[in-house]
N, C-alpha and C. Protein backbone atom coordinates (compact mmCIF):
# COMPACT_ATOMS: atom_id res chain seq x y z
N UNK A 1 1.34 -37.82 -13.08
CA UNK A 1 2.71 -38.30 -12.94
C UNK A 1 2.62 -39.76 -12.54
N UNK A 2 3.59 -40.54 -12.97
CA UNK A 2 3.66 -41.94 -12.53
C UNK A 2 4.92 -42.11 -11.67
N UNK A 3 4.90 -43.07 -10.73
CA UNK A 3 6.06 -43.23 -9.83
C UNK A 3 7.37 -43.43 -10.56
N UNK A 4 7.37 -44.12 -11.70
CA UNK A 4 8.62 -44.37 -12.42
C UNK A 4 9.27 -43.06 -12.88
N UNK A 5 8.46 -42.04 -13.22
CA UNK A 5 9.04 -40.75 -13.63
C UNK A 5 9.78 -40.11 -12.46
N UNK A 6 9.23 -40.25 -11.25
CA UNK A 6 9.92 -39.71 -10.06
C UNK A 6 11.28 -40.39 -9.90
N UNK A 7 11.28 -41.71 -10.09
CA UNK A 7 12.52 -42.48 -9.94
C UNK A 7 13.51 -42.08 -11.02
N UNK A 8 13.03 -41.98 -12.28
CA UNK A 8 13.91 -41.61 -13.39
C UNK A 8 14.54 -40.24 -13.17
N UNK A 9 13.80 -39.32 -12.58
CA UNK A 9 14.29 -37.96 -12.33
C UNK A 9 15.09 -37.87 -11.05
N UNK A 10 15.16 -38.97 -10.30
CA UNK A 10 15.85 -38.98 -9.02
C UNK A 10 15.33 -37.84 -8.14
N UNK A 11 14.02 -37.72 -8.09
CA UNK A 11 13.38 -36.60 -7.40
C UNK A 11 13.58 -36.70 -5.90
N UNK A 12 14.09 -35.64 -5.27
CA UNK A 12 14.30 -35.66 -3.82
C UNK A 12 13.00 -35.64 -3.03
N UNK A 13 11.88 -35.37 -3.69
CA UNK A 13 10.60 -35.29 -3.00
C UNK A 13 9.81 -36.59 -3.02
N UNK A 14 10.31 -37.61 -3.72
CA UNK A 14 9.57 -38.86 -3.79
C UNK A 14 9.71 -39.62 -2.48
N UNK A 15 8.60 -40.18 -2.02
CA UNK A 15 8.61 -40.99 -0.81
C UNK A 15 7.52 -42.03 -0.88
N UNK A 16 7.45 -42.85 0.14
CA UNK A 16 6.40 -43.86 0.24
C UNK A 16 5.75 -43.70 1.61
N UNK A 17 4.42 -43.56 1.62
CA UNK A 17 3.74 -43.36 2.90
C UNK A 17 3.58 -44.69 3.63
N UNK A 18 2.97 -44.66 4.79
CA UNK A 18 2.80 -45.85 5.62
C UNK A 18 1.97 -46.94 4.98
N UNK A 19 1.20 -46.60 3.96
CA UNK A 19 0.35 -47.58 3.28
C UNK A 19 1.02 -48.16 2.04
N UNK A 20 2.25 -47.72 1.74
CA UNK A 20 2.97 -48.21 0.57
C UNK A 20 2.65 -47.45 -0.71
N UNK A 21 2.01 -46.29 -0.58
CA UNK A 21 1.65 -45.47 -1.74
C UNK A 21 2.80 -44.53 -2.08
N UNK A 22 3.13 -44.42 -3.38
CA UNK A 22 4.15 -43.47 -3.81
C UNK A 22 3.59 -42.06 -3.67
N UNK A 23 4.31 -41.22 -2.95
CA UNK A 23 3.84 -39.86 -2.68
C UNK A 23 4.91 -38.83 -3.01
N UNK A 24 4.46 -37.62 -3.22
CA UNK A 24 5.33 -36.47 -3.40
C UNK A 24 5.30 -35.70 -2.08
N UNK A 25 6.47 -35.51 -1.47
CA UNK A 25 6.55 -34.82 -0.18
C UNK A 25 6.55 -33.33 -0.46
N UNK A 26 5.49 -32.65 -0.04
CA UNK A 26 5.33 -31.24 -0.36
C UNK A 26 6.13 -30.36 0.59
N UNK A 27 6.01 -30.58 1.90
CA UNK A 27 6.75 -29.77 2.86
C UNK A 27 6.60 -30.38 4.24
N UNK A 28 7.45 -29.94 5.16
CA UNK A 28 7.35 -30.38 6.56
C UNK A 28 6.35 -29.48 7.26
N UNK A 29 5.39 -30.09 7.93
CA UNK A 29 4.32 -29.33 8.56
C UNK A 29 4.75 -28.72 9.89
N UNK A 30 5.48 -29.48 10.71
CA UNK A 30 5.84 -28.99 12.04
C UNK A 30 7.12 -29.65 12.54
N UNK A 31 7.51 -29.29 13.77
CA UNK A 31 8.75 -29.81 14.35
C UNK A 31 8.68 -31.30 14.63
N UNK A 32 7.50 -31.89 14.65
CA UNK A 32 7.36 -33.31 14.93
C UNK A 32 7.73 -34.15 13.71
N UNK A 33 8.21 -33.50 12.66
CA UNK A 33 8.62 -34.17 11.43
C UNK A 33 7.43 -34.77 10.69
N UNK A 34 6.24 -34.18 10.90
CA UNK A 34 5.08 -34.61 10.13
C UNK A 34 5.15 -33.92 8.77
N UNK A 35 4.83 -34.66 7.72
CA UNK A 35 4.95 -34.15 6.37
C UNK A 35 3.60 -34.05 5.69
N UNK A 36 3.47 -33.07 4.80
CA UNK A 36 2.30 -32.99 3.93
C UNK A 36 2.70 -33.68 2.64
N UNK A 37 1.90 -34.62 2.18
CA UNK A 37 2.23 -35.38 0.98
C UNK A 37 1.04 -35.40 0.03
N UNK A 38 1.34 -35.71 -1.22
CA UNK A 38 0.33 -35.82 -2.26
C UNK A 38 0.63 -37.07 -3.07
N UNK A 39 -0.38 -37.85 -3.38
CA UNK A 39 -0.21 -39.04 -4.22
C UNK A 39 0.44 -38.61 -5.53
N UNK A 40 1.49 -39.31 -5.97
CA UNK A 40 2.22 -38.87 -7.17
C UNK A 40 1.33 -38.81 -8.41
N UNK A 41 0.27 -39.60 -8.45
CA UNK A 41 -0.62 -39.59 -9.61
C UNK A 41 -1.39 -38.27 -9.70
N UNK A 42 -1.43 -37.50 -8.60
CA UNK A 42 -2.13 -36.22 -8.59
C UNK A 42 -1.20 -35.02 -8.77
N UNK A 43 0.05 -35.27 -9.14
CA UNK A 43 1.03 -34.20 -9.36
C UNK A 43 1.20 -34.01 -10.86
N UNK A 44 1.01 -32.77 -11.33
CA UNK A 44 1.19 -32.49 -12.76
C UNK A 44 2.67 -32.31 -13.08
N UNK A 45 3.01 -32.36 -14.38
CA UNK A 45 4.40 -32.17 -14.81
C UNK A 45 4.93 -30.80 -14.35
N UNK A 46 4.11 -29.77 -14.51
CA UNK A 46 4.53 -28.41 -14.14
C UNK A 46 4.77 -28.31 -12.64
N UNK A 47 3.84 -28.86 -11.86
CA UNK A 47 3.99 -28.82 -10.40
C UNK A 47 5.23 -29.60 -9.97
N UNK A 48 5.48 -30.73 -10.63
CA UNK A 48 6.66 -31.54 -10.32
C UNK A 48 7.93 -30.72 -10.52
N UNK A 49 8.03 -30.03 -11.64
CA UNK A 49 9.21 -29.22 -11.94
C UNK A 49 9.41 -28.14 -10.88
N UNK A 50 8.33 -27.48 -10.48
CA UNK A 50 8.41 -26.43 -9.46
C UNK A 50 8.84 -27.00 -8.11
N UNK A 51 8.30 -28.14 -7.74
CA UNK A 51 8.64 -28.76 -6.46
C UNK A 51 10.09 -29.21 -6.42
N UNK A 52 10.58 -29.78 -7.53
CA UNK A 52 11.99 -30.20 -7.58
C UNK A 52 12.92 -29.00 -7.48
N UNK A 53 12.55 -27.90 -8.15
CA UNK A 53 13.37 -26.68 -8.10
C UNK A 53 13.42 -26.13 -6.68
N UNK A 54 12.28 -26.12 -5.99
CA UNK A 54 12.27 -25.60 -4.63
C UNK A 54 13.06 -26.51 -3.69
N UNK A 55 13.02 -27.83 -3.92
CA UNK A 55 13.79 -28.76 -3.10
C UNK A 55 15.29 -28.52 -3.29
N UNK A 56 15.72 -28.30 -4.53
CA UNK A 56 17.13 -28.04 -4.81
C UNK A 56 17.58 -26.75 -4.13
N UNK A 57 16.73 -25.73 -4.14
CA UNK A 57 17.07 -24.45 -3.50
C UNK A 57 17.21 -24.63 -1.99
N UNK A 58 16.30 -25.38 -1.39
CA UNK A 58 16.35 -25.63 0.05
C UNK A 58 17.63 -26.38 0.41
N UNK A 59 17.98 -27.41 -0.36
CA UNK A 59 19.19 -28.18 -0.08
C UNK A 59 20.44 -27.31 -0.24
N UNK A 60 20.45 -26.43 -1.24
CA UNK A 60 21.60 -25.55 -1.44
C UNK A 60 21.76 -24.61 -0.25
N UNK A 61 20.65 -24.04 0.24
CA UNK A 61 20.71 -23.13 1.40
C UNK A 61 21.17 -23.86 2.65
N UNK A 62 20.69 -25.09 2.84
CA UNK A 62 21.12 -25.86 4.01
C UNK A 62 22.61 -26.17 3.95
N UNK A 63 23.11 -26.48 2.76
CA UNK A 63 24.54 -26.76 2.60
C UNK A 63 25.36 -25.51 2.90
N UNK A 64 24.88 -24.35 2.45
CA UNK A 64 25.59 -23.09 2.73
C UNK A 64 25.63 -22.81 4.22
N UNK A 65 24.54 -23.09 4.92
CA UNK A 65 24.51 -22.84 6.36
C UNK A 65 25.48 -23.75 7.10
N UNK A 66 25.59 -25.00 6.63
CA UNK A 66 26.49 -25.96 7.28
C UNK A 66 27.94 -25.74 6.93
N UNK A 67 28.22 -25.46 5.66
CA UNK A 67 29.60 -25.45 5.19
C UNK A 67 30.07 -24.10 4.68
N UNK A 68 29.23 -23.10 4.68
CA UNK A 68 29.60 -21.81 4.10
C UNK A 68 29.32 -21.79 2.62
N UNK A 69 29.40 -20.65 2.02
CA UNK A 69 29.10 -20.51 0.59
C UNK A 69 30.16 -21.20 -0.26
N UNK A 70 29.72 -21.88 -1.29
CA UNK A 70 30.64 -22.57 -2.19
C UNK A 70 31.34 -21.54 -3.05
N UNK A 71 32.67 -21.56 -3.02
CA UNK A 71 33.45 -20.60 -3.80
C UNK A 71 33.78 -21.15 -5.17
N UNK A 72 34.08 -22.43 -5.23
CA UNK A 72 34.50 -23.04 -6.48
C UNK A 72 34.06 -24.49 -6.47
N UNK A 73 33.58 -24.96 -7.61
CA UNK A 73 33.15 -26.34 -7.72
C UNK A 73 34.15 -27.08 -8.59
N UNK A 74 34.77 -28.09 -8.05
CA UNK A 74 35.74 -28.87 -8.82
C UNK A 74 35.09 -30.17 -9.26
N UNK A 75 35.18 -30.45 -10.53
CA UNK A 75 34.60 -31.68 -11.07
C UNK A 75 35.70 -32.43 -11.78
N UNK A 76 35.91 -33.68 -11.39
CA UNK A 76 36.93 -34.47 -12.06
C UNK A 76 36.24 -35.55 -12.88
N UNK A 77 36.87 -35.98 -13.97
CA UNK A 77 36.25 -37.00 -14.82
C UNK A 77 36.11 -38.33 -14.07
N UNK A 78 35.09 -39.09 -14.44
CA UNK A 78 34.88 -40.40 -13.86
C UNK A 78 35.99 -41.31 -14.37
N UNK A 79 36.46 -42.18 -13.49
CA UNK A 79 37.54 -43.09 -13.90
C UNK A 79 37.12 -43.88 -15.12
N UNK A 80 38.05 -44.01 -16.05
CA UNK A 80 37.76 -44.74 -17.28
C UNK A 80 37.42 -43.81 -18.43
N UNK A 81 36.96 -42.59 -18.13
CA UNK A 81 36.68 -41.62 -19.18
C UNK A 81 37.95 -40.87 -19.52
N UNK A 82 38.16 -40.60 -20.77
CA UNK A 82 39.34 -39.85 -21.19
C UNK A 82 38.94 -38.43 -21.52
N UNK A 83 39.80 -37.51 -21.15
CA UNK A 83 39.52 -36.12 -21.52
C UNK A 83 39.88 -35.93 -22.98
N UNK A 84 39.11 -35.11 -23.66
CA UNK A 84 39.34 -34.87 -25.08
C UNK A 84 40.32 -33.73 -25.26
N UNK A 85 41.58 -34.07 -25.36
CA UNK A 85 42.62 -33.05 -25.51
C UNK A 85 43.25 -33.15 -26.87
């Protein structure tokens, strides 16, 4: 994987370590907020897809805990776009 692909995918797991290296954040190790990371060049396409899916699931569960289960999702058109009626 190259860092630009992480950026293009808007991957929630992309980060930069203390040395300025683009890394994939795998998981939080402990309560001290220490993270396990992997250099993005060592992440395969398949592993990337699995990690992004797990991150989305974690964020969805956290949102449910904070705000309750989503009953309905309302999406409105972006200003300037016309609906095709």
